[in-house]
Amino acid sequence: MSESPNVDEFIRHMQAELDASESIVDKVEREKKQWQIESALLLAIDFSKKFQELSSLGQNPMKIIEALQVSDSDGAEAAKMIMTIAGGICARCGNLPIEPDLDFCSNCGNYVE
């Protein structure tokens, strides 16, 4: 079985799709497709950045995600705090980013220590 594509390959693919969308004749359809691709690119780039930040702090991002999925685990609360502090992600709603100058999530109001 071959290895799955990584985020960088996905980003390159989406950039190629963005270039190819220039050939869409209908202006409305072209702009809609470009908006969708640009949104996907921004999310992929943000994900990659957050993953690298957590890794550089010595955290295994995949283990954090696993701990978050088990709400009653001992590591779930610690994982939520790591995601909030290092990743700028709200532990309650997953909103990105939590503004550094605020001590709460602007999406759901969750207090961040």
PDB file of N, CA and C in Angstrom:
ATOM      1  N   MET A   1       0.837  -1.180   0.000  1.00  0.00           N
ATOM      2  CA  MET A   1       0.000   0.000   0.000  1.00  0.00           C
ATOM      3  C   MET A   1       0.883   1.244   0.000  1.00  0.00           C
ATOM      4  N   SER A   2       0.534   2.222  -0.778  1.00  0.00           N
ATOM      5  CA  SER A   2       1.345   3.423  -0.877  1.00  0.00           C
ATOM      6  C   SER A   2       1.066   4.368   0.293  1.00  0.00           C
ATOM      7  N   GLU A   3       2.011   5.237   0.518  1.00  0.00           N
ATOM      8  CA  GLU A   3       1.893   6.211   1.587  1.00  0.00           C
ATOM      9  C   GLU A   3       0.853   7.271   1.223  1.00  0.00           C
ATOM     10  N   SER A   4       0.120   7.743   2.209  1.00  0.00           N
ATOM     11  CA  SER A   4      -0.893   8.772   1.983  1.00  0.00           C
ATOM     12  C   SER A   4      -0.228  10.122   1.712  1.00  0.00           C
ATOM     13  N   PRO A   5      -0.899  10.980   0.945  1.00  0.00           N
ATOM     14  CA  PRO A   5      -0.353  12.317   0.698  1.00  0.00           C
ATOM     15  C   PRO A   5      -0.279  13.110   2.006  1.00  0.00           C
ATOM     16  N   ASN A   6       0.664  14.022   2.075  1.00  0.00           N
ATOM     17  CA  ASN A   6       0.784  14.851   3.267  1.00  0.00           C
ATOM     18  C   ASN A   6       0.192  16.237   3.001  1.00  0.00           C
ATOM     19  N   VAL A   7       0.223  17.085   3.991  1.00  0.00           N
ATOM     20  CA  VAL A   7      -0.388  18.413   3.887  1.00  0.00           C
ATOM     21  C   VAL A   7       0.305  19.253   2.812  1.00  0.00           C
ATOM     22  N   ASP A   8       1.612  19.169   2.732  1.00  0.00           N
ATOM     23  CA  ASP A   8       2.326  19.952   1.714  1.00  0.00           C
ATOM     24  C   ASP A   8       1.917  19.543   0.300  1.00  0.00           C
ATOM     25  N   GLU A   9       1.726  18.251   0.090  1.00  0.00           N
ATOM     26  CA  GLU A   9       1.277  17.785  -1.223  1.00  0.00           C
ATOM     27  C   GLU A   9      -0.144  18.261  -1.516  1.00  0.00           C
ATOM     28  N   PHE A  10      -0.978  18.268  -0.485  1.00  0.00           N
ATOM     29  CA  PHE A  10      -2.342  18.775  -0.648  1.00  0.00           C
ATOM     30  C   PHE A  10      -2.321  20.254  -1.024  1.00  0.00           C
ATOM     31  N   ILE A  11      -1.469  21.012  -0.365  1.00  0.00           N
ATOM     32  CA  ILE A  11      -1.364  22.446  -0.656  1.00  0.00           C
ATOM     33  C   ILE A  11      -0.915  22.656  -2.092  1.00  0.00           C
ATOM     34  N   ARG A  12       0.080  21.896  -2.534  1.00  0.00           N
ATOM     35  CA  ARG A  12       0.527  22.016  -3.929  1.00  0.00           C
ATOM     36  C   ARG A  12      -0.579  21.646  -4.906  1.00  0.00           C
ATOM     37  N   HIS A  13      -1.329  20.609  -4.575  1.00  0.00           N
ATOM     38  CA  HIS A  13      -2.451  20.195  -5.421  1.00  0.00           C
ATOM     39  C   HIS A  13      -3.495  21.309  -5.510  1.00  0.00           C
ATOM     40  N   MET A  14      -3.822  21.907  -4.383  1.00  0.00           N
ATOM     41  CA  MET A  14      -4.836  22.965  -4.374  1.00  0.00           C
ATOM     42  C   MET A  14      -4.341  24.202  -5.131  1.00  0.00           C
ATOM     43  N   GLN A  15      -3.038  24.485  -5.059  1.00  0.00           N
ATOM     44  CA  GLN A  15      -2.501  25.606  -5.831  1.00  0.00           C
ATOM     45  C   GLN A  15      -2.626  25.331  -7.335  1.00  0.00           C
ATOM     46  N   ALA A  16      -2.403  24.082  -7.728  1.00  0.00           N
ATOM     47  CA  ALA A  16      -2.573  23.718  -9.142  1.00  0.00           C
ATOM     48  C   ALA A  16      -4.038  23.832  -9.553  1.00  0.00           C
ATOM     49  N   GLU A  17      -4.942  23.428  -8.669  1.00  0.00           N
ATOM     50  CA  GLU A  17      -6.376  23.561  -8.942  1.00  0.00           C
ATOM     51  C   GLU A  17      -6.776  25.030  -9.067  1.00  0.00           C
ATOM     52  N   LEU A  18      -6.169  25.872  -8.241  1.00  0.00           N
ATOM     53  CA  LEU A  18      -6.451  27.307  -8.312  1.00  0.00           C
ATOM     54  C   LEU A  18      -6.015  27.864  -9.659  1.00  0.00           C
ATOM     55  N   ASP A  19      -4.832  27.463 -10.108  1.00  0.00           N
ATOM     56  CA  ASP A  19      -4.364  27.897 -11.428  1.00  0.00           C
ATOM     57  C   ASP A  19      -5.300  27.396 -12.529  1.00  0.00           C
ATOM     58  N   ALA A  20      -5.744  26.160 -12.418  1.00  0.00           N
ATOM     59  CA  ALA A  20      -6.624  25.570 -13.432  1.00  0.00           C
ATOM     60  C   ALA A  20      -8.003  26.231 -13.443  1.00  0.00           C
ATOM     61  N   SER A  21      -8.413  26.783 -12.301  1.00  0.00           N
ATOM     62  CA  SER A  21      -9.739  27.402 -12.241  1.00  0.00           C
ATOM     63  C   SER A  21      -9.836  28.660 -13.108  1.00  0.00           C
ATOM     64  N   GLU A  22      -8.700  29.201 -13.510  1.00  0.00           N
ATOM     65  CA  GLU A  22      -8.696  30.375 -14.387  1.00  0.00           C
ATOM     66  C   GLU A  22      -9.360  30.069 -15.726  1.00  0.00           C
ATOM     67  N   SER A  23      -9.422  28.797 -16.094  1.00  0.00           N
ATOM     68  CA  SER A  23     -10.003  28.436 -17.387  1.00  0.00           C
ATOM     69  C   SER A  23     -11.524  28.297 -17.342  1.00  0.00           C
ATOM     70  N   ILE A  24     -12.133  28.448 -16.172  1.00  0.00           N
ATOM     71  CA  ILE A  24     -13.594  28.377 -16.068  1.00  0.00           C
ATOM     72  C   ILE A  24     -14.170  29.637 -16.704  1.00  0.00           C
ATOM     73  N   VAL A  25     -15.014  29.442 -17.705  1.00  0.00           N
ATOM     74  CA  VAL A  25     -15.534  30.562 -18.503  1.00  0.00           C
ATOM     75  C   VAL A  25     -16.511  31.417 -17.713  1.00  0.00           C
ATOM     76  N   ASP A  26     -17.443  30.773 -17.032  1.00  0.00           N
ATOM     77  CA  ASP A  26     -18.460  31.513 -16.274  1.00  0.00           C
ATOM     78  C   ASP A  26     -17.807  32.224 -15.087  1.00  0.00           C
ATOM     79  N   LYS A  27     -17.919  33.548 -15.058  1.00  0.00           N
ATOM     80  CA  LYS A  27     -17.251  34.352 -14.031  1.00  0.00           C
ATOM     81  C   LYS A  27     -17.714  33.986 -12.628  1.00  0.00           C
ATOM     82  N   VAL A  28     -19.007  33.793 -12.443  1.00  0.00           N
ATOM     83  CA  VAL A  28     -19.551  33.469 -11.123  1.00  0.00           C
ATOM     84  C   VAL A  28     -19.035  32.107 -10.656  1.00  0.00           C
ATOM     85  N   GLU A  29     -19.076  31.126 -11.534  1.00  0.00           N
ATOM     86  CA  GLU A  29     -18.580  29.795 -11.198  1.00  0.00           C
ATOM     87  C   GLU A  29     -17.082  29.821 -10.922  1.00  0.00           C
ATOM     88  N   ARG A  30     -16.319  30.577 -11.721  1.00  0.00           N
ATOM     89  CA  ARG A  30     -14.876  30.684 -11.526  1.00  0.00           C
ATOM     90  C   ARG A  30     -14.567  31.283 -10.155  1.00  0.00           C
ATOM     91  N   GLU A  31     -15.252  32.384  -9.813  1.00  0.00           N
ATOM     92  CA  GLU A  31     -15.004  33.029  -8.525  1.00  0.00           C
ATOM     93  C   GLU A  31     -15.410  32.141  -7.359  1.00  0.00           C
ATOM     94  N   LYS A  32     -16.513  31.404  -7.521  1.00  0.00           N
ATOM     95  CA  LYS A  32     -16.959  30.480  -6.478  1.00  0.00           C
ATOM     96  C   LYS A  32     -15.921  29.387  -6.253  1.00  0.00           C
ATOM     97  N   LYS A  33     -15.443  28.802  -7.335  1.00  0.00           N
ATOM     98  CA  LYS A  33     -14.423  27.745  -7.242  1.00  0.00           C
ATOM     99  C   LYS A  33     -13.134  28.286  -6.617  1.00  0.00           C
ATOM    100  N   GLN A  34     -12.717  29.485  -7.032  1.00  0.00           N
ATOM    101  CA  GLN A  34     -11.499  30.080  -6.491  1.00  0.00           C
ATOM    102  C   GLN A  34     -11.648  30.358  -4.997  1.00  0.00           C
ATOM    103  N   TRP A  35     -12.822  30.814  -4.587  1.00  0.00           N
ATOM    104  CA  TRP A  35     -13.059  31.076  -3.173  1.00  0.00           C
ATOM    105  C   TRP A  35     -12.965  29.783  -2.374  1.00  0.00           C
ATOM    106  N   GLN A  36     -13.558  28.705  -2.885  1.00  0.00           N
ATOM    107  CA  GLN A  36     -13.509  27.412  -2.205  1.00  0.00           C
ATOM    108  C   GLN A  36     -12.068  26.919  -2.070  1.00  0.00           C
ATOM    109  N   ILE A  37     -11.310  27.035  -3.143  1.00  0.00           N
ATOM    110  CA  ILE A  37      -9.926  26.566  -3.125  1.00  0.00           C
ATOM    111  C   ILE A  37      -9.081  27.414  -2.179  1.00  0.00           C
ATOM    112  N   GLU A  38      -9.260  28.731  -2.237  1.00  0.00           N
ATOM    113  CA  GLU A  38      -8.495  29.610  -1.345  1.00  0.00           C
ATOM    114  C   GLU A  38      -8.816  29.329   0.114  1.00  0.00           C
ATOM    115  N   SER A  39     -10.070  29.053   0.423  1.00  0.00           N
ATOM    116  CA  SER A  39     -10.457  28.709   1.795  1.00  0.00           C
ATOM    117  C   SER A  39      -9.781  27.417   2.242  1.00  0.00           C
ATOM    118  N   ALA A  40      -9.783  26.412   1.370  1.00  0.00           N
ATOM    119  CA  ALA A  40      -9.124  25.140   1.689  1.00  0.00           C
ATOM    120  C   ALA A  40      -7.624  25.340   1.897  1.00  0.00           C
ATOM    121  N   LEU A  41      -7.022  26.178   1.064  1.00  0.00           N
ATOM    122  CA  LEU A  41      -5.593  26.459   1.206  1.00  0.00           C
ATOM    123  C   LEU A  41      -5.288  27.117   2.550  1.00  0.00           C
ATOM    124  N   LEU A  42      -6.081  28.096   2.926  1.00  0.00           N
ATOM    125  CA  LEU A  42      -5.863  28.784   4.200  1.00  0.00           C
ATOM    126  C   LEU A  42      -5.999  27.828   5.377  1.00  0.00           C
ATOM    127  N   LEU A  43      -6.993  26.953   5.335  1.00  0.00           N
ATOM    128  CA  LEU A  43      -7.161  25.975   6.409  1.00  0.00           C
ATOM    129  C   LEU A  43      -5.989  24.999   6.466  1.00  0.00           C
ATOM    130  N   ALA A  44      -5.535  24.545   5.313  1.00  0.00           N
ATOM    131  CA  ALA A  44      -4.411  23.604   5.272  1.00  0.00           C
ATOM    132  C   ALA A  44      -3.130  24.258   5.792  1.00  0.00           C
ATOM    133  N   ILE A  45      -2.893  25.484   5.397  1.00  0.00           N
ATOM    134  CA  ILE A  45      -1.696  26.205   5.850  1.00  0.00           C
ATOM    135  C   ILE A  45      -1.762  26.437   7.351  1.00  0.00           C
ATOM    136  N   ASP A  46      -2.935  26.815   7.861  1.00  0.00           N
ATOM    137  CA  ASP A  46      -3.095  27.039   9.301  1.00  0.00           C
ATOM    138  C   ASP A  46      -2.901  25.734  10.069  1.00  0.00           C
ATOM    139  N   PHE A  47      -3.467  24.636   9.563  1.00  0.00           N
ATOM    140  CA  PHE A  47      -3.288  23.337  10.200  1.00  0.00           C
ATOM    141  C   PHE A  47      -1.808  22.969  10.262  1.00  0.00           C
ATOM    142  N   SER A  48      -1.116  23.129   9.150  1.00  0.00           N
ATOM    143  CA  SER A  48       0.300  22.788   9.081  1.00  0.00           C
ATOM    144  C   SER A  48       1.110  23.609  10.081  1.00  0.00           C
ATOM    145  N   LYS A  49       0.796  24.887  10.168  1.00  0.00           N
ATOM    146  CA  LYS A  49       1.503  25.782  11.091  1.00  0.00           C
ATOM    147  C   LYS A  49       1.270  25.357  12.543  1.00  0.00           C
ATOM    148  N   LYS A  50       0.015  25.089  12.906  1.00  0.00           N
ATOM    149  CA  LYS A  50      -0.298  24.684  14.276  1.00  0.00           C
ATOM    150  C   LYS A  50       0.354  23.338  14.611  1.00  0.00           C
ATOM    151  N   PHE A  51       0.343  22.409  13.657  1.00  0.00           N
ATOM    152  CA  PHE A  51       0.967  21.102  13.862  1.00  0.00           C
ATOM    153  C   PHE A  51       2.462  21.268  14.131  1.00  0.00           C
ATOM    154  N   GLN A  52       3.124  22.122  13.350  1.00  0.00           N
ATOM    155  CA  GLN A  52       4.555  22.362  13.531  1.00  0.00           C
ATOM    156  C   GLN A  52       4.842  23.042  14.865  1.00  0.00           C
ATOM    157  N   GLU A  53       3.980  23.994  15.270  1.00  0.00           N
ATOM    158  CA  GLU A  53       4.171  24.668  16.555  1.00  0.00           C
ATOM    159  C   GLU A  53       4.090  23.677  17.709  1.00  0.00           C
ATOM    160  N   LEU A  54       3.088  22.811  17.679  1.00  0.00           N
ATOM    161  CA  LEU A  54       2.944  21.813  18.742  1.00  0.00           C
ATOM    162  C   LEU A  54       4.125  20.850  18.747  1.00  0.00           C
ATOM    163  N   SER A  55       4.557  20.435  17.571  1.00  0.00           N
ATOM    164  CA  SER A  55       5.704  19.524  17.475  1.00  0.00           C
ATOM    165  C   SER A  55       6.968  20.176  18.021  1.00  0.00           C
ATOM    166  N   SER A  56       7.151  21.460  17.727  1.00  0.00           N
ATOM    167  CA  SER A  56       8.355  22.157  18.201  1.00  0.00           C
ATOM    168  C   SER A  56       8.355  22.322  19.717  1.00  0.00           C
ATOM    169  N   LEU A  57       7.172  22.251  20.331  1.00  0.00           N
ATOM    170  CA  LEU A  57       7.069  22.334  21.789  1.00  0.00           C
ATOM    171  C   LEU A  57       7.209  20.963  22.447  1.00  0.00           C
ATOM    172  N   GLY A  58       7.514  19.945  21.630  1.00  0.00           N
ATOM    173  CA  GLY A  58       7.703  18.601  22.156  1.00  0.00           C
ATOM    174  C   GLY A  58       6.404  17.837  22.341  1.00  0.00           C
ATOM    175  N   GLN A  59       5.331  18.343  21.782  1.00  0.00           N
ATOM    176  CA  GLN A  59       4.039  17.679  21.898  1.00  0.00           C
ATOM    177  C   GLN A  59       3.765  16.868  20.640  1.00  0.00           C
ATOM    178  N   ASN A  60       3.131  15.740  20.801  1.00  0.00           N
ATOM    179  CA  ASN A  60       2.711  14.930  19.667  1.00  0.00           C
ATOM    180  C   ASN A  60       1.275  15.330  19.331  1.00  0.00           C
ATOM    181  N   PRO A  61       1.075  16.102  18.267  1.00  0.00           N
ATOM    182  CA  PRO A  61      -0.269  16.591  17.943  1.00  0.00           C
ATOM    183  C   PRO A  61      -1.306  15.479  17.790  1.00  0.00           C
ATOM    184  N   MET A  62      -0.920  14.333  17.289  1.00  0.00           N
ATOM    185  CA  MET A  62      -1.880  13.250  17.104  1.00  0.00           C
ATOM    186  C   MET A  62      -2.315  12.665  18.452  1.00  0.00           C
ATOM    187  N   LYS A  63      -1.418  12.609  19.415  1.00  0.00           N
ATOM    188  CA  LYS A  63      -1.782  12.133  20.748  1.00  0.00           C
ATOM    189  C   LYS A  63      -2.728  13.118  21.428  1.00  0.00           C
ATOM    190  N   ILE A  64      -2.526  14.402  21.175  1.00  0.00           N
ATOM    191  CA  ILE A  64      -3.411  15.427  21.743  1.00  0.00           C
ATOM    192  C   ILE A  64      -4.816  15.251  21.181  1.00  0.00           C
ATOM    193  N   ILE A  65      -4.917  15.035  19.881  1.00  0.00           N
ATOM    194  CA  ILE A  65      -6.222  14.845  19.249  1.00  0.00           C
ATOM    195  C   ILE A  65      -6.907  13.608  19.820  1.00  0.00           C
ATOM    196  N   GLU A  66      -6.155  12.527  19.997  1.00  0.00           N
ATOM    197  CA  GLU A  66      -6.730  11.308  20.567  1.00  0.00           C
ATOM    198  C   GLU A  66      -7.243  11.558  21.981  1.00  0.00           C
ATOM    199  N   ALA A  67      -6.492  12.302  22.790  1.00  0.00           N
ATOM    200  CA  ALA A  67      -6.916  12.596  24.161  1.00  0.00           C
ATOM    201  C   ALA A  67      -8.165  13.462  24.173  1.00  0.00           C
ATOM    202  N   LEU A  68      -8.269  14.377  23.226  1.00  0.00           N
ATOM    203  CA  LEU A  68      -9.444  15.247  23.158  1.00  0.00           C
ATOM    204  C   LEU A  68     -10.707  14.461  22.824  1.00  0.00           C
ATOM    205  N   GLN A  69     -10.565  13.386  22.073  1.00  0.00           N
ATOM    206  CA  GLN A  69     -11.724  12.603  21.654  1.00  0.00           C
ATOM    207  C   GLN A  69     -12.316  11.786  22.799  1.00  0.00           C
ATOM    208  N   VAL A  70     -11.535  11.521  23.834  1.00  0.00           N
ATOM    209  CA  VAL A  70     -12.018  10.785  24.994  1.00  0.00           C
ATOM    210  C   VAL A  70     -12.224  11.804  26.105  1.00  0.00           C
ATOM    211  N   SER A  71     -13.464  12.271  26.248  1.00  0.00           N
ATOM    212  CA  SER A  71     -13.739  13.395  27.144  1.00  0.00           C
ATOM    213  C   SER A  71     -13.460  13.108  28.611  1.00  0.00           C
ATOM    214  N   ASP A  72     -13.526  11.858  29.038  1.00  0.00           N
ATOM    215  CA  ASP A  72     -13.314  11.562  30.452  1.00  0.00           C
ATOM    216  C   ASP A  72     -11.914  11.025  30.755  1.00  0.00           C
ATOM    217  N   SER A  73     -11.020  11.097  29.794  1.00  0.00           N
ATOM    218  CA  SER A  73      -9.668  10.588  30.035  1.00  0.00           C
ATOM    219  C   SER A  73      -8.881  11.568  30.895  1.00  0.00           C
ATOM    220  N   ASP A  74      -7.873  11.049  31.580  1.00  0.00           N
ATOM    221  CA  ASP A  74      -7.032  11.889  32.424  1.00  0.00           C
ATOM    222  C   ASP A  74      -6.270  12.922  31.606  1.00  0.00           C
ATOM    223  N   GLY A  75      -5.908  12.548  30.385  1.00  0.00           N
ATOM    224  CA  GLY A  75      -5.130  13.455  29.555  1.00  0.00           C
ATOM    225  C   GLY A  75      -5.960  14.454  28.779  1.00  0.00           C
ATOM    226  N   ALA A  76      -7.295  14.319  28.803  1.00  0.00           N
ATOM    227  CA  ALA A  76      -8.146  15.195  27.989  1.00  0.00           C
ATOM    228  C   ALA A  76      -8.024  16.651  28.415  1.00  0.00           C
ATOM    229  N   GLU A  77      -8.062  16.908  29.711  1.00  0.00           N
ATOM    230  CA  GLU A  77      -7.968  18.303  30.177  1.00  0.00           C
ATOM    231  C   GLU A  77      -6.595  18.886  29.872  1.00  0.00           C
ATOM    232  N   ALA A  78      -5.549  18.091  30.069  1.00  0.00           N
ATOM    233  CA  ALA A  78      -4.202  18.563  29.751  1.00  0.00           C
ATOM    234  C   ALA A  78      -4.074  18.823  28.259  1.00  0.00           C
ATOM    235  N   ALA A  79      -4.629  17.932  27.450  1.00  0.00           N
ATOM    236  CA  ALA A  79      -4.583  18.100  26.000  1.00  0.00           C
ATOM    237  C   ALA A  79      -5.312  19.367  25.577  1.00  0.00           C
ATOM    238  N   LYS A  80      -6.459  19.630  26.199  1.00  0.00           N
ATOM    239  CA  LYS A  80      -7.212  20.840  25.876  1.00  0.00           C
ATOM    240  C   LYS A  80      -6.406  22.091  26.201  1.00  0.00           C
ATOM    241  N   MET A  81      -5.718  22.074  27.335  1.00  0.00           N
ATOM    242  CA  MET A  81      -4.910  23.244  27.706  1.00  0.00           C
ATOM    243  C   MET A  81      -3.746  23.426  26.742  1.00  0.00           C
ATOM    244  N   ILE A  82      -3.114  22.330  26.327  1.00  0.00           N
ATOM    245  CA  ILE A  82      -2.008  22.427  25.371  1.00  0.00           C
ATOM    246  C   ILE A  82      -2.502  23.003  24.058  1.00  0.00           C
ATOM    247  N   MET A  83      -3.654  22.521  23.576  1.00  0.00           N
ATOM    248  CA  MET A  83      -4.217  23.028  22.320  1.00  0.00           C
ATOM    249  C   MET A  83      -4.546  24.509  22.439  1.00  0.00           C
ATOM    250  N   THR A  84      -5.058  24.919  23.587  1.00  0.00           N
ATOM    251  CA  THR A  84      -5.430  26.311  23.780  1.00  0.00           C
ATOM    252  C   THR A  84      -4.202  27.204  23.843  1.00  0.00           C
ATOM    253  N   ILE A  85      -3.232  26.817  24.628  1.00  0.00           N
ATOM    254  CA  ILE A  85      -2.052  27.651  24.830  1.00  0.00           C
ATOM    255  C   ILE A  85      -1.141  27.640  23.609  1.00  0.00           C
ATOM    256  N   ALA A  86      -0.764  26.468  23.156  1.00  0.00           N
ATOM    257  CA  ALA A  86       0.201  26.371  22.057  1.00  0.00           C
ATOM    258  C   ALA A  86      -0.436  26.562  20.698  1.00  0.00           C
ATOM    259  N   GLY A  87      -1.634  26.026  20.537  1.00  0.00           N
ATOM    260  CA  GLY A  87      -2.253  26.051  19.222  1.00  0.00           C
ATOM    261  C   GLY A  87      -3.192  27.203  18.981  1.00  0.00           C
ATOM    262  N   GLY A  88      -3.564  27.932  20.045  1.00  0.00           N
ATOM    263  CA  GLY A  88      -4.504  29.023  19.873  1.00  0.00           C
ATOM    264  C   GLY A  88      -5.893  28.534  19.499  1.00  0.00           C
ATOM    265  N   ILE A  89      -6.214  27.304  19.901  1.00  0.00           N
ATOM    266  CA  ILE A  89      -7.491  26.691  19.556  1.00  0.00           C
ATOM    267  C   ILE A  89      -8.348  26.622  20.812  1.00  0.00           C
ATOM    268  N   CYS A  90      -9.602  27.023  20.695  1.00  0.00           N
ATOM    269  CA  CYS A  90     -10.510  26.945  21.839  1.00  0.00           C
ATOM    270  C   CYS A  90     -10.770  25.482  22.187  1.00  0.00           C
ATOM    271  N   ALA A  91     -10.584  25.134  23.464  1.00  0.00           N
ATOM    272  CA  ALA A  91     -10.786  23.760  23.915  1.00  0.00           C
ATOM    273  C   ALA A  91     -12.258  23.356  23.874  1.00  0.00           C
ATOM    274  N   ARG A  92     -13.159  24.315  23.951  1.00  0.00           N
ATOM    275  CA  ARG A  92     -14.583  23.982  23.952  1.00  0.00           C
ATOM    276  C   ARG A  92     -15.149  23.841  22.541  1.00  0.00           C
ATOM    277  N   CYS A  93     -14.907  24.842  21.684  1.00  0.00           N
ATOM    278  CA  CYS A  93     -15.568  24.820  20.365  1.00  0.00           C
ATOM    279  C   CYS A  93     -14.611  24.601  19.197  1.00  0.00           C
ATOM    280  N   GLY A  94     -13.293  24.635  19.445  1.00  0.00           N
ATOM    281  CA  GLY A  94     -12.322  24.414  18.384  1.00  0.00           C
ATOM    282  C   GLY A  94     -12.083  25.620  17.500  1.00  0.00           C
ATOM    283  N   ASN A  95     -12.591  26.777  17.898  1.00  0.00           N
ATOM    284  CA  ASN A  95     -12.441  27.996  17.105  1.00  0.00           C
ATOM    285  C   ASN A  95     -10.972  28.397  16.977  1.00  0.00           C
ATOM    286  N   LEU A  96     -10.599  28.802  15.770  1.00  0.00           N
ATOM    287  CA  LEU A  96      -9.243  29.304  15.484  1.00  0.00           C
ATOM    288  C   LEU A  96      -9.345  30.737  15.049  1.00  0.00           C
ATOM    289  N   PRO A  97      -8.446  31.567  15.342  1.00  0.00           N
ATOM    290  CA  PRO A  97      -7.541  31.475  16.488  1.00  0.00           C
ATOM    291  C   PRO A  97      -8.154  32.183  17.686  1.00  0.00           C
ATOM    292  N   ILE A  98      -7.660  31.863  18.850  1.00  0.00           N
ATOM    293  CA  ILE A  98      -8.019  32.644  20.031  1.00  0.00           C
ATOM    294  C   ILE A  98      -7.061  33.832  20.019  1.00  0.00           C
ATOM    295  N   GLU A  99      -7.617  34.999  20.057  1.00  0.00           N
ATOM    296  CA  GLU A  99      -6.801  36.210  20.002  1.00  0.00           C
ATOM    297  C   GLU A  99      -5.860  36.253  21.211  1.00  0.00           C
ATOM    298  N   PRO A 100      -4.573  36.514  20.986  1.00  0.00           N
ATOM    299  CA  PRO A 100      -3.602  36.469  22.083  1.00  0.00           C
ATOM    300  C   PRO A 100      -3.879  37.487  23.189  1.00  0.00           C
ATOM    301  N   ASP A 101      -4.524  38.603  22.849  1.00  0.00           N
ATOM    302  CA  ASP A 101      -4.774  39.625  23.857  1.00  0.00           C
ATOM    303  C   ASP A 101      -6.086  39.417  24.617  1.00  0.00           C
ATOM    304  N   LEU A 102      -6.839  38.377  24.282  1.00  0.00           N
ATOM    305  CA  LEU A 102      -8.081  38.061  24.979  1.00  0.00           C
ATOM    306  C   LEU A 102      -7.884  36.844  25.868  1.00  0.00           C
ATOM    307  N   ASP A 103      -8.619  36.793  26.973  1.00  0.00           N
ATOM    308  CA  ASP A 103      -8.552  35.610  27.831  1.00  0.00           C
ATOM    309  C   ASP A 103      -9.825  34.775  27.713  1.00  0.00           C
ATOM    310  N   PHE A 104     -10.516  34.914  26.570  1.00  0.00           N
ATOM    311  CA  PHE A 104     -11.702  34.117  26.287  1.00  0.00           C
ATOM    312  C   PHE A 104     -11.829  33.920  24.783  1.00  0.00           C
ATOM    313  N   CYS A 105     -12.609  32.920  24.411  1.00  0.00           N
ATOM    314  CA  CYS A 105     -12.852  32.628  22.997  1.00  0.00           C
ATOM    315  C   CYS A 105     -13.910  33.581  22.481  1.00  0.00           C
ATOM    316  N   SER A 106     -13.625  34.258  21.385  1.00  0.00           N
ATOM    317  CA  SER A 106     -14.590  35.208  20.826  1.00  0.00           C
ATOM    318  C   SER A 106     -15.772  34.491  20.172  1.00  0.00           C
ATOM    319  N   ASN A 107     -15.668  33.181  19.937  1.00  0.00           N
ATOM    320  CA  ASN A 107     -16.759  32.433  19.319  1.00  0.00           C
ATOM    321  C   ASN A 107     -17.769  31.932  20.344  1.00  0.00           C
ATOM    322  N   CYS A 108     -17.285  31.294  21.422  1.00  0.00           N
ATOM    323  CA  CYS A 108     -18.214  30.691  22.379  1.00  0.00           C
ATOM    324  C   CYS A 108     -18.140  31.311  23.779  1.00  0.00           C
ATOM    325  N   GLY A 109     -17.149  32.161  24.028  1.00  0.00           N
ATOM    326  CA  GLY A 109     -17.028  32.814  25.330  1.00  0.00           C
ATOM    327  C   GLY A 109     -16.296  32.007  26.380  1.00  0.00           C
ATOM    328  N   ASN A 110     -15.770  30.842  26.010  1.00  0.00           N
ATOM    329  CA  ASN A 110     -15.044  30.009  26.959  1.00  0.00           C
ATOM    330  C   ASN A 110     -13.835  30.761  27.511  1.00  0.00           C
ATOM    331  N   TYR A 111     -13.697  30.760  28.834  1.00  0.00           N
ATOM    332  CA  TYR A 111     -12.564  31.434  29.479  1.00  0.00           C
ATOM    333  C   TYR A 111     -11.306  30.621  29.287  1.00  0.00           C
ATOM    334  N   VAL A 112     -10.223  31.289  28.916  1.00  0.00           N
ATOM    335  CA  VAL A 112      -8.936  30.653  28.704  1.00  0.00           C
ATOM    336  C   VAL A 112      -7.990  31.127  29.793  1.00  0.00           C
ATOM    337  N   GLU A 113      -7.438  30.178  30.557  1.00  0.00           N
ATOM    338  CA  GLU A 113      -6.517  30.550  31.648  1.00  0.00           C
ATOM    339  C   GLU A 113      -5.168  30.941  31.134  1.00  0.00           C
TER     340      GLU A 113
END
